[in-house]
Amino acid sequence: MAITAQMVKELRESTGAGMMDAKKALTETNGDMEAAQDWLRTKGLAKAAKKSGRVAAEGLVGVAVKGGKGVAVEVNSETDFVAKNAEFQSMVASITEAALGVSDIEALKSTTVDGKTVDEALTAAIAKIGENMTLRRMVAVEGDSVVSYVHNAAAPGLGKIGVLVGLKGADNGIGKQIAMHVAATSPASLSEKDLDPALVEREKSVLTEQARESGKPEAVIEKMIVGRMAKFFEEITLLGQKFVINPDVTVAQAAKDAGVEITGFARMAVGEGIEKEKEDFAAEVAKTRGA
């Protein structure tokens, strides 16, 4: 497979590796981006394998809480300009409030807001504003108390990142601090047992190959892996992470000290996981010249 400059650039952005190392990794793995990330990590040439964060969608995340239930909803638009439109913001806020009364996104689409179903409201907004819009997803969190937080809010309850945290026990202010922590660190799961087994297996495989590169005996390597996996769980699970407000304790300990237990959380960022179509600058110029 031909290794392009764009592929090398994307790998460098996602791993922090040097240009020649990124190119070699792609060559060694026949252009497989995920395998190349792992190859770089095995060789100690990448800080971490991470998503490049390329996004195609703009829009807003809305959050709302009522009683022991909180919801987060993502509505996408083509441009950030529309996301700043008061009419669009009002529509997203109405859709988010409606989400409190349903269990999933399909039910939400047929729920009525301002005299129209959500689907109809989106269709009308598309016709009026002139941009494609989609109701992409919703998530709900329940607990004795649920706290919501929006990072860099565009309007009350609306922004680019929305967080919900469910607690067992009465919130005394710790909920918002934990929600802010979630917004900043984006944990992969609540605890080790909630992690995707495939993610755990992939990490263990990479760490094992890294350890073998050291040339140490297998018995020593096994002990190294146990320690490194424990560190991995500490870094990516909410309960195991060091609390950003007080790094001397874990999030689990901070919650316990405040007399509550974290039962669930959700973090939703606009456009995450949607790959943006890219076209090189030369091709754009050629198009404008009719080439």
C-alpha atoms as a PDB file:
ATOM      1  CA  MET A   1       0.000   0.000   0.000  1.00  0.00           C
ATOM      2  CA  ALA A   2       1.318   3.466  -0.892  1.00  0.00           C
ATOM      3  CA  ILE A   3       2.075   5.556   2.189  1.00  0.00           C
ATOM      4  CA  THR A   4       0.902   9.121   1.617  1.00  0.00           C
ATOM      5  CA  ALA A   5       2.040  12.329   3.283  1.00  0.00           C
ATOM      6  CA  GLN A   6      -1.459  12.750   4.694  1.00  0.00           C
ATOM      7  CA  MET A   7      -1.268   9.336   6.377  1.00  0.00           C
ATOM      8  CA  VAL A   8       2.084  10.220   7.922  1.00  0.00           C
ATOM      9  CA  LYS A   9       0.683  13.565   9.133  1.00  0.00           C
ATOM     10  CA  GLU A  10      -2.341  11.911  10.754  1.00  0.00           C
ATOM     11  CA  LEU A  11      -0.175   9.336  12.521  1.00  0.00           C
ATOM     12  CA  ARG A  12       2.190  12.033  13.797  1.00  0.00           C
ATOM     13  CA  GLU A  13      -0.747  14.060  15.125  1.00  0.00           C
ATOM     14  CA  SER A  14      -2.257  11.056  16.886  1.00  0.00           C
ATOM     15  CA  THR A  15       0.962   9.767  18.482  1.00  0.00           C
ATOM     16  CA  GLY A  16       3.458  12.631  18.687  1.00  0.00           C
ATOM     17  CA  ALA A  17       6.014  10.515  16.808  1.00  0.00           C
ATOM     18  CA  GLY A  18       8.638  11.964  14.429  1.00  0.00           C
ATOM     19  CA  MET A  19       8.045  12.051  10.687  1.00  0.00           C
ATOM     20  CA  MET A  20      10.480   9.269   9.760  1.00  0.00           C
ATOM     21  CA  ASP A  21       9.296   7.054  12.627  1.00  0.00           C
ATOM     22  CA  ALA A  22       5.666   7.554  11.574  1.00  0.00           C
ATOM     23  CA  LYS A  23       6.506   6.702   7.968  1.00  0.00           C
ATOM     24  CA  LYS A  24       8.406   3.569   9.010  1.00  0.00           C
ATOM     25  CA  ALA A  25       5.528   2.461  11.249  1.00  0.00           C
ATOM     26  CA  LEU A  26       3.055   2.783   8.383  1.00  0.00           C
ATOM     27  CA  THR A  27       5.417   0.935   6.044  1.00  0.00           C
ATOM     28  CA  GLU A  28       5.893  -1.891   8.555  1.00  0.00           C
ATOM     29  CA  THR A  29       2.123  -2.254   9.029  1.00  0.00           C
ATOM     30  CA  ASN A  30       1.121  -1.794   5.386  1.00  0.00           C
ATOM     31  CA  GLY A  31      -0.706   1.455   6.099  1.00  0.00           C
ATOM     32  CA  ASP A  32      -2.887   0.150   8.943  1.00  0.00           C
ATOM     33  CA  MET A  33      -3.251   3.246  11.168  1.00  0.00           C
ATOM     34  CA  GLU A  34      -4.192   1.412  14.363  1.00  0.00           C
ATOM     35  CA  ALA A  35      -1.443  -1.188  13.929  1.00  0.00           C
ATOM     36  CA  ALA A  36       1.034   1.620  13.219  1.00  0.00           C
ATOM     37  CA  GLN A  37       0.065   3.323  16.491  1.00  0.00           C
ATOM     38  CA  ASP A  38       0.723   0.070  18.344  1.00  0.00           C
ATOM     39  CA  TRP A  39       4.039  -0.448  16.494  1.00  0.00           C
ATOM     40  CA  LEU A  40       5.230   2.997  17.578  1.00  0.00           C
ATOM     41  CA  ARG A  41       4.228   2.350  21.164  1.00  0.00           C
ATOM     42  CA  THR A  42       5.975  -1.030  21.154  1.00  0.00           C
ATOM     43  CA  LYS A  43       9.171   0.686  20.003  1.00  0.00           C
ATOM     44  CA  GLY A  44       8.748   3.422  22.598  1.00  0.00           C
ATOM     45  CA  LEU A  45       8.309   6.066  19.900  1.00  0.00           C
ATOM     46  CA  ALA A  46       4.824   7.266  20.828  1.00  0.00           C
ATOM     47  CA  LYS A  47       3.488   8.702  24.061  1.00  0.00           C
ATOM     48  CA  ALA A  48       0.131   6.959  23.637  1.00  0.00           C
ATOM     49  CA  ALA A  49      -2.160   5.666  20.961  1.00  0.00           C
ATOM     50  CA  LYS A  50      -5.005   8.119  20.731  1.00  0.00           C
ATOM     51  CA  LYS A  51      -7.657   9.176  18.317  1.00  0.00           C
ATOM     52  CA  SER A  52      -6.695  12.100  16.105  1.00  0.00           C
ATOM     53  CA  GLY A  53      -9.924  13.893  16.980  1.00  0.00           C
ATOM     54  CA  ARG A  54     -10.897  14.682  13.389  1.00  0.00           C
ATOM     55  CA  VAL A  55     -14.489  15.840  13.357  1.00  0.00           C
ATOM     56  CA  ALA A  56     -16.885  16.674  10.570  1.00  0.00           C
ATOM     57  CA  ALA A  57     -19.879  17.829  12.596  1.00  0.00           C
ATOM     58  CA  GLU A  58     -20.502  21.064  14.425  1.00  0.00           C
ATOM     59  CA  GLY A  59     -23.531  21.730  16.595  1.00  0.00           C
ATOM     60  CA  LEU A  60     -24.341  21.545  20.278  1.00  0.00           C
ATOM     61  CA  VAL A  61     -24.694  19.159  23.188  1.00  0.00           C
ATOM     62  CA  GLY A  62     -27.629  19.898  25.455  1.00  0.00           C
ATOM     63  CA  VAL A  63     -27.957  18.652  29.050  1.00  0.00           C
ATOM     64  CA  ALA A  64     -30.962  18.636  31.365  1.00  0.00           C
ATOM     65  CA  VAL A  65     -31.718  17.131  34.783  1.00  0.00           C
ATOM     66  CA  LYS A  66     -35.038  16.440  36.486  1.00  0.00           C
ATOM     67  CA  GLY A  67     -35.262  14.562  39.758  1.00  0.00           C
ATOM     68  CA  GLY A  68     -32.971  11.545  39.621  1.00  0.00           C
ATOM     69  CA  LYS A  69     -32.547  11.552  35.831  1.00  0.00           C
ATOM     70  CA  GLY A  70     -30.214  13.486  33.585  1.00  0.00           C
ATOM     71  CA  VAL A  71     -29.966  13.468  29.783  1.00  0.00           C
ATOM     72  CA  ALA A  72     -27.445  14.655  27.241  1.00  0.00           C
ATOM     73  CA  VAL A  73     -28.372  15.124  23.580  1.00  0.00           C
ATOM     74  CA  GLU A  74     -26.207  15.937  20.546  1.00  0.00           C
ATOM     75  CA  VAL A  75     -27.686  17.837  17.599  1.00  0.00           C
ATOM     76  CA  ASN A  76     -25.312  18.445  14.692  1.00  0.00           C
ATOM     77  CA  SER A  77     -25.135  21.226  12.132  1.00  0.00           C
ATOM     78  CA  GLU A  78     -22.716  21.762   9.273  1.00  0.00           C
ATOM     79  CA  THR A  79     -21.055  24.904  10.649  1.00  0.00           C
ATOM     80  CA  ASP A  80     -20.258  26.434  14.011  1.00  0.00           C
ATOM     81  CA  PHE A  81     -22.017  29.583  12.789  1.00  0.00           C
ATOM     82  CA  VAL A  82     -25.372  27.789  13.012  1.00  0.00           C
ATOM     83  CA  ALA A  83     -24.493  26.474  16.472  1.00  0.00           C
ATOM     84  CA  LYS A  84     -24.328  30.117  17.606  1.00  0.00           C
ATOM     85  CA  ASN A  85     -27.764  30.850  16.126  1.00  0.00           C
ATOM     86  CA  ALA A  86     -30.347  31.635  18.857  1.00  0.00           C
ATOM     87  CA  GLU A  87     -33.078  29.739  16.978  1.00  0.00           C
ATOM     88  CA  PHE A  88     -30.916  26.620  16.714  1.00  0.00           C
ATOM     89  CA  GLN A  89     -29.992  26.871  20.388  1.00  0.00           C
ATOM     90  CA  SER A  90     -33.651  27.173  21.379  1.00  0.00           C
ATOM     91  CA  MET A  91     -34.508  24.090  19.323  1.00  0.00           C
ATOM     92  CA  VAL A  92     -31.700  22.023  20.892  1.00  0.00           C
ATOM     93  CA  ALA A  93     -32.797  23.128  24.378  1.00  0.00           C
ATOM     94  CA  SER A  94     -36.399  22.036  23.643  1.00  0.00           C
ATOM     95  CA  ILE A  95     -35.252  18.669  22.271  1.00  0.00           C
ATOM     96  CA  THR A  96     -33.082  18.114  25.352  1.00  0.00           C
ATOM     97  CA  GLU A  97     -35.970  18.839  27.733  1.00  0.00           C
ATOM     98  CA  ALA A  98     -38.155  16.435  25.743  1.00  0.00           C
ATOM     99  CA  ALA A  99     -35.492  13.738  26.126  1.00  0.00           C
ATOM    100  CA  LEU A 100     -36.171  13.633  29.874  1.00  0.00           C
ATOM    101  CA  GLY A 101     -39.482  11.923  29.108  1.00  0.00           C
ATOM    102  CA  VAL A 102     -38.241   9.174  26.766  1.00  0.00           C
ATOM    103  CA  SER A 103     -35.954   6.148  26.974  1.00  0.00           C
ATOM    104  CA  ASP A 104     -34.101   6.249  23.643  1.00  0.00           C
ATOM    105  CA  ILE A 105     -33.361   8.347  20.577  1.00  0.00           C
ATOM    106  CA  GLU A 106     -36.001   6.704  18.377  1.00  0.00           C
ATOM    107  CA  ALA A 107     -38.704   7.654  20.865  1.00  0.00           C
ATOM    108  CA  LEU A 108     -37.231  11.151  21.061  1.00  0.00           C
ATOM    109  CA  LYS A 109     -37.521  11.652  17.289  1.00  0.00           C
ATOM    110  CA  SER A 110     -41.279  11.151  17.435  1.00  0.00           C
ATOM    111  CA  THR A 111     -41.799  13.212  20.610  1.00  0.00           C
ATOM    112  CA  THR A 112     -43.595  16.526  20.178  1.00  0.00           C
ATOM    113  CA  VAL A 113     -41.857  19.853  20.831  1.00  0.00           C
ATOM    114  CA  ASP A 114     -43.555  23.181  20.112  1.00  0.00           C
ATOM    115  CA  GLY A 115     -46.365  21.488  18.201  1.00  0.00           C
ATOM    116  CA  LYS A 116     -44.122  19.369  15.937  1.00  0.00           C
ATOM    117  CA  THR A 117     -42.331  16.072  16.313  1.00  0.00           C
ATOM    118  CA  VAL A 118     -38.579  16.409  16.793  1.00  0.00           C
ATOM    119  CA  ASP A 119     -38.057  15.039  13.271  1.00  0.00           C
ATOM    120  CA  GLU A 120     -40.453  17.638  11.852  1.00  0.00           C
ATOM    121  CA  ALA A 121     -38.798  20.427  13.839  1.00  0.00           C
ATOM    122  CA  LEU A 122     -35.411  19.472  12.411  1.00  0.00           C
ATOM    123  CA  THR A 123     -36.787  19.342   8.872  1.00  0.00           C
ATOM    124  CA  ALA A 124     -38.331  22.805   9.295  1.00  0.00           C
ATOM    125  CA  ALA A 125     -35.073  24.192  10.705  1.00  0.00           C
ATOM    126  CA  ILE A 126     -33.104  22.741   7.778  1.00  0.00           C
ATOM    127  CA  ALA A 127     -35.441  24.434   5.307  1.00  0.00           C
ATOM    128  CA  LYS A 128     -35.265  27.756   7.138  1.00  0.00           C
ATOM    129  CA  ILE A 129     -31.552  27.923   8.006  1.00  0.00           C
ATOM    130  CA  GLY A 130     -30.276  26.136   4.914  1.00  0.00           C
ATOM    131  CA  GLU A 131     -27.942  23.640   6.579  1.00  0.00           C
ATOM    132  CA  ASN A 132     -28.269  19.938   7.156  1.00  0.00           C
ATOM    133  CA  MET A 133     -28.941  19.048  10.802  1.00  0.00           C
ATOM    134  CA  THR A 134     -29.141  15.719  12.562  1.00  0.00           C
ATOM    135  CA  LEU A 135     -30.203  14.439  15.950  1.00  0.00           C
ATOM    136  CA  ARG A 136     -27.233  12.159  16.450  1.00  0.00           C
ATOM    137  CA  ARG A 137     -27.527  10.587  19.905  1.00  0.00           C
ATOM    138  CA  MET A 138     -28.785  10.826  23.455  1.00  0.00           C
ATOM    139  CA  VAL A 139     -27.709   9.284  26.736  1.00  0.00           C
ATOM    140  CA  ALA A 140     -29.339   9.139  30.170  1.00  0.00           C
ATOM    141  CA  VAL A 141     -27.859   8.813  33.652  1.00  0.00           C
ATOM    142  CA  GLU A 142     -29.854   8.074  36.804  1.00  0.00           C
ATOM    143  CA  GLY A 143     -29.078   8.215  40.519  1.00  0.00           C
ATOM    144  CA  ASP A 144     -30.243   9.508  43.885  1.00  0.00           C
ATOM    145  CA  SER A 145     -28.967  12.789  42.507  1.00  0.00           C
ATOM    146  CA  VAL A 146     -27.663  13.671  39.053  1.00  0.00           C
ATOM    147  CA  VAL A 147     -25.403  16.619  38.299  1.00  0.00           C
ATOM    148  CA  SER A 148     -24.858  18.184  34.890  1.00  0.00           C
ATOM    149  CA  TYR A 149     -22.024  20.344  33.634  1.00  0.00           C
ATOM    150  CA  VAL A 150     -21.371  22.076  30.315  1.00  0.00           C
ATOM    151  CA  HIS A 151     -17.846  23.118  29.430  1.00  0.00           C
ATOM    152  CA  ASN A 152     -17.611  26.577  27.814  1.00  0.00           C
ATOM    153  CA  ALA A 153     -21.392  26.946  27.655  1.00  0.00           C
ATOM    154  CA  ALA A 154     -22.836  28.696  24.598  1.00  0.00           C
ATOM    155  CA  ALA A 155     -26.108  29.160  26.523  1.00  0.00           C
ATOM    156  CA  PRO A 156     -27.527  27.634  29.722  1.00  0.00           C
ATOM    157  CA  GLY A 157     -27.300  23.845  29.394  1.00  0.00           C
ATOM    158  CA  LEU A 158     -25.771  24.011  25.903  1.00  0.00           C
ATOM    159  CA  GLY A 159     -22.172  23.716  24.739  1.00  0.00           C
ATOM    160  CA  LYS A 160     -19.519  21.652  23.004  1.00  0.00           C
ATOM    161  CA  ILE A 161     -18.983  19.223  25.915  1.00  0.00           C
ATOM    162  CA  GLY A 162     -21.740  18.031  28.235  1.00  0.00           C
ATOM    163  CA  VAL A 163     -21.274  15.837  31.305  1.00  0.00           C
ATOM    164  CA  LEU A 164     -23.675  13.973  33.586  1.00  0.00           C
ATOM    165  CA  VAL A 165     -22.693  12.339  36.879  1.00  0.00           C
ATOM    166  CA  GLY A 166     -25.026  10.048  38.839  1.00  0.00           C
ATOM    167  CA  LEU A 167     -24.545   9.796  42.598  1.00  0.00           C
ATOM    168  CA  LYS A 168     -25.799   7.535  45.360  1.00  0.00           C
ATOM    169  CA  GLY A 169     -26.466   9.880  48.239  1.00  0.00           C
ATOM    170  CA  ALA A 170     -27.195  13.600  48.395  1.00  0.00           C
ATOM    171  CA  ASP A 171     -24.901  15.872  46.413  1.00  0.00           C
ATOM    172  CA  ASN A 172     -23.156  18.492  48.534  1.00  0.00           C
ATOM    173  CA  GLY A 173     -21.180  20.170  45.767  1.00  0.00           C
ATOM    174  CA  ILE A 174     -18.835  17.291  44.942  1.00  0.00           C
ATOM    175  CA  GLY A 175     -20.966  16.362  41.913  1.00  0.00           C
ATOM    176  CA  LYS A 176     -20.034  19.430  39.883  1.00  0.00           C
ATOM    177  CA  GLN A 177     -16.353  18.981  40.749  1.00  0.00           C
ATOM    178  CA  ILE A 178     -16.475  15.376  39.523  1.00  0.00           C
ATOM    179  CA  ALA A 179     -18.345  16.462  36.375  1.00  0.00           C
ATOM    180  CA  MET A 180     -15.637  19.058  35.663  1.00  0.00           C
ATOM    181  CA  HIS A 181     -13.031  16.331  36.191  1.00  0.00           C
ATOM    182  CA  VAL A 182     -14.828  14.112  33.643  1.00  0.00           C
ATOM    183  CA  ALA A 183     -14.935  16.973  31.124  1.00  0.00           C
ATOM    184  CA  ALA A 184     -11.179  17.464  31.500  1.00  0.00           C
ATOM    185  CA  THR A 185      -9.973  13.849  31.535  1.00  0.00           C
ATOM    186  CA  SER A 186     -12.555  11.958  29.427  1.00  0.00           C
ATOM    187  CA  PRO A 187     -12.305   8.618  31.289  1.00  0.00           C
ATOM    188  CA  ALA A 188     -13.032   5.490  29.255  1.00  0.00           C
ATOM    189  CA  SER A 189     -15.266   3.907  31.906  1.00  0.00           C
ATOM    190  CA  LEU A 190     -16.411   4.164  35.507  1.00  0.00           C
ATOM    191  CA  SER A 191     -14.242   1.287  36.733  1.00  0.00           C
ATOM    192  CA  GLU A 192     -12.003  -1.526  35.519  1.00  0.00           C
ATOM    193  CA  LYS A 193     -14.905  -3.971  35.259  1.00  0.00           C
ATOM    194  CA  ASP A 194     -16.759  -1.623  32.887  1.00  0.00           C
ATOM    195  CA  LEU A 195     -13.938  -1.418  30.345  1.00  0.00           C
ATOM    196  CA  ASP A 196     -14.272  -2.916  26.870  1.00  0.00           C
ATOM    197  CA  PRO A 197     -12.419  -6.283  27.040  1.00  0.00           C
ATOM    198  CA  ALA A 198     -11.001  -5.679  23.545  1.00  0.00           C
ATOM    199  CA  LEU A 199      -9.434  -2.403  24.713  1.00  0.00           C
ATOM    200  CA  VAL A 200      -7.898  -4.139  27.735  1.00  0.00           C
ATOM    201  CA  GLU A 201      -6.532  -6.981  25.604  1.00  0.00           C
ATOM    202  CA  ARG A 202      -5.042  -4.577  23.070  1.00  0.00           C
ATOM    203  CA  GLU A 203      -3.302  -2.572  25.784  1.00  0.00           C
ATOM    204  CA  LYS A 204      -1.949  -5.726  27.429  1.00  0.00           C
ATOM    205  CA  SER A 205      -0.607  -6.914  24.074  1.00  0.00           C
ATOM    206  CA  VAL A 206       1.183  -3.609  23.436  1.00  0.00           C
ATOM    207  CA  LEU A 207       2.643  -3.505  26.960  1.00  0.00           C
ATOM    208  CA  THR A 208       3.806  -7.120  26.661  1.00  0.00           C
ATOM    209  CA  GLU A 209       5.659  -6.405  23.423  1.00  0.00           C
ATOM    210  CA  GLN A 210       7.187  -3.298  24.987  1.00  0.00           C
ATOM    211  CA  ALA A 211       8.417  -5.353  27.941  1.00  0.00           C
ATOM    212  CA  ARG A 212       9.877  -8.033  25.650  1.00  0.00           C
ATOM    213  CA  GLU A 213      11.868  -5.364  23.842  1.00  0.00           C
ATOM    214  CA  SER A 214      13.785  -4.960  27.118  1.00  0.00           C
ATOM    215  CA  GLY A 215      15.116  -8.526  26.792  1.00  0.00           C
ATOM    216  CA  LYS A 216      14.203  -9.420  30.366  1.00  0.00           C
ATOM    217  CA  PRO A 217      13.148 -12.996  31.344  1.00  0.00           C
ATOM    218  CA  GLU A 218       9.466 -13.945  30.953  1.00  0.00           C
ATOM    219  CA  ALA A 219       8.986 -14.195  34.729  1.00  0.00           C
ATOM    220  CA  VAL A 220      10.142 -10.598  35.131  1.00  0.00           C
ATOM    221  CA  ILE A 221       8.043  -9.493  32.169  1.00  0.00           C
ATOM    222  CA  GLU A 222       4.887 -10.956  33.747  1.00  0.00           C
ATOM    223  CA  LYS A 223       5.436  -8.875  36.889  1.00  0.00           C
ATOM    224  CA  MET A 224       6.108  -5.792  34.765  1.00  0.00           C
ATOM    225  CA  ILE A 225       2.806  -6.285  32.923  1.00  0.00           C
ATOM    226  CA  VAL A 226       0.825  -6.538  36.170  1.00  0.00           C
ATOM    227  CA  GLY A 227       2.215  -3.205  37.344  1.00  0.00           C
ATOM    228  CA  ARG A 228       1.786  -1.494  34.000  1.00  0.00           C
ATOM    229  CA  MET A 229      -1.809  -2.687  33.590  1.00  0.00           C
ATOM    230  CA  ALA A 230      -2.613  -1.397  37.087  1.00  0.00           C
ATOM    231  CA  LYS A 231      -1.240   1.979  36.019  1.00  0.00           C
ATOM    232  CA  PHE A 232      -3.316   1.809  32.816  1.00  0.00           C
ATOM    233  CA  PHE A 233      -6.531   1.183  34.790  1.00  0.00           C
ATOM    234  CA  GLU A 234      -5.664   4.048  37.125  1.00  0.00           C
ATOM    235  CA  GLU A 235      -5.268   6.430  34.204  1.00  0.00           C
ATOM    236  CA  ILE A 236      -8.397   5.649  32.187  1.00  0.00           C
ATOM    237  CA  THR A 237     -11.094   4.705  34.733  1.00  0.00           C
ATOM    238  CA  LEU A 238     -12.945   7.500  36.507  1.00  0.00           C
ATOM    239  CA  LEU A 239     -12.792   5.909  39.951  1.00  0.00           C
ATOM    240  CA  GLY A 240      -9.073   5.166  39.601  1.00  0.00           C
ATOM    241  CA  GLN A 241      -7.962   8.564  38.281  1.00  0.00           C
ATOM    242  CA  LYS A 242      -6.264  11.155  40.442  1.00  0.00           C
ATOM    243  CA  PHE A 243      -8.826  13.831  41.246  1.00  0.00           C
ATOM    244  CA  VAL A 244      -7.973  17.023  39.350  1.00  0.00           C
ATOM    245  CA  ILE A 245      -9.194  19.158  42.267  1.00  0.00           C
ATOM    246  CA  ASN A 246      -6.912  17.277  44.686  1.00  0.00           C
ATOM    247  CA  PRO A 247      -4.379  14.930  42.997  1.00  0.00           C
ATOM    248  CA  ASP A 248      -3.465  13.446  46.386  1.00  0.00           C
ATOM    249  CA  VAL A 249      -6.626  11.311  46.252  1.00  0.00           C
ATOM    250  CA  THR A 250      -8.463   9.282  43.619  1.00  0.00           C
ATOM    251  CA  VAL A 251     -11.905  10.307  42.387  1.00  0.00           C
ATOM    252  CA  ALA A 252     -13.365   7.307  44.240  1.00  0.00           C
ATOM    253  CA  GLN A 253     -11.799   8.482  47.502  1.00  0.00           C
ATOM    254  CA  ALA A 254     -12.913  12.088  46.970  1.00  0.00           C
ATOM    255  CA  ALA A 255     -16.502  10.877  46.489  1.00  0.00           C
ATOM    256  CA  LYS A 256     -16.289   8.662  49.577  1.00  0.00           C
ATOM    257  CA  ASP A 257     -14.908  11.528  51.655  1.00  0.00           C
ATOM    258  CA  ALA A 258     -17.896  13.618  50.523  1.00  0.00           C
ATOM    259  CA  GLY A 259     -20.309  10.888  51.599  1.00  0.00           C
ATOM    260  CA  VAL A 260     -21.464   9.804  48.142  1.00  0.00           C
ATOM    261  CA  GLU A 261     -20.831   7.009  45.648  1.00  0.00           C
ATOM    262  CA  ILE A 262     -20.527   7.557  41.888  1.00  0.00           C
ATOM    263  CA  THR A 263     -22.979   5.212  40.158  1.00  0.00           C
ATOM    264  CA  GLY A 264     -22.531   6.366  36.563  1.00  0.00           C
ATOM    265  CA  PHE A 265     -21.431   9.139  34.259  1.00  0.00           C
ATOM    266  CA  ALA A 266     -21.616  10.267  30.660  1.00  0.00           C
ATOM    267  CA  ARG A 267     -19.427  12.644  28.685  1.00  0.00           C
ATOM    268  CA  MET A 268     -20.580  13.838  25.273  1.00  0.00           C
ATOM    269  CA  ALA A 269     -18.531  16.081  22.977  1.00  0.00           C
ATOM    270  CA  VAL A 270     -19.831  17.523  19.722  1.00  0.00           C
ATOM    271  CA  GLY A 271     -18.662  15.602  16.677  1.00  0.00           C
ATOM    272  CA  GLU A 272     -16.485  13.034  18.447  1.00  0.00           C
ATOM    273  CA  GLY A 273     -16.003   9.924  16.356  1.00  0.00           C
ATOM    274  CA  ILE A 274     -17.147  11.551  13.117  1.00  0.00           C
ATOM    275  CA  GLU A 275     -14.349  11.665  10.572  1.00  0.00           C
ATOM    276  CA  LYS A 276     -14.081  14.847   8.587  1.00  0.00           C
ATOM    277  CA  GLU A 277     -13.649  14.677   4.839  1.00  0.00           C
ATOM    278  CA  LYS A 278     -10.362  16.254   3.857  1.00  0.00           C
ATOM    279  CA  GLU A 279      -9.204  17.568   0.548  1.00  0.00           C
ATOM    280  CA  ASP A 280      -5.714  18.838  -0.050  1.00  0.00           C
ATOM    281  CA  PHE A 281      -5.272  22.516  -0.834  1.00  0.00           C
ATOM    282  CA  ALA A 282      -3.951  21.898  -4.342  1.00  0.00           C
ATOM    283  CA  ALA A 283      -7.098  19.968  -5.251  1.00  0.00           C
ATOM    284  CA  GLU A 284      -9.262  22.827  -3.966  1.00  0.00           C
ATOM    285  CA  VAL A 285      -7.372  25.337  -6.063  1.00  0.00           C
ATOM    286  CA  ALA A 286      -7.599  23.065  -9.112  1.00  0.00           C
ATOM    287  CA  LYS A 287     -11.363  22.862  -8.695  1.00  0.00           C
ATOM    288  CA  THR A 288     -11.771  26.622  -8.604  1.00  0.00           C
ATOM    289  CA  ARG A 289      -9.759  26.915 -11.807  1.00  0.00           C
ATOM    290  CA  GLY A 290     -11.771  24.214 -13.520  1.00  0.00           C
ATOM    291  CA  ALA A 291      -8.756  21.906 -13.748  1.00  0.00           C
END
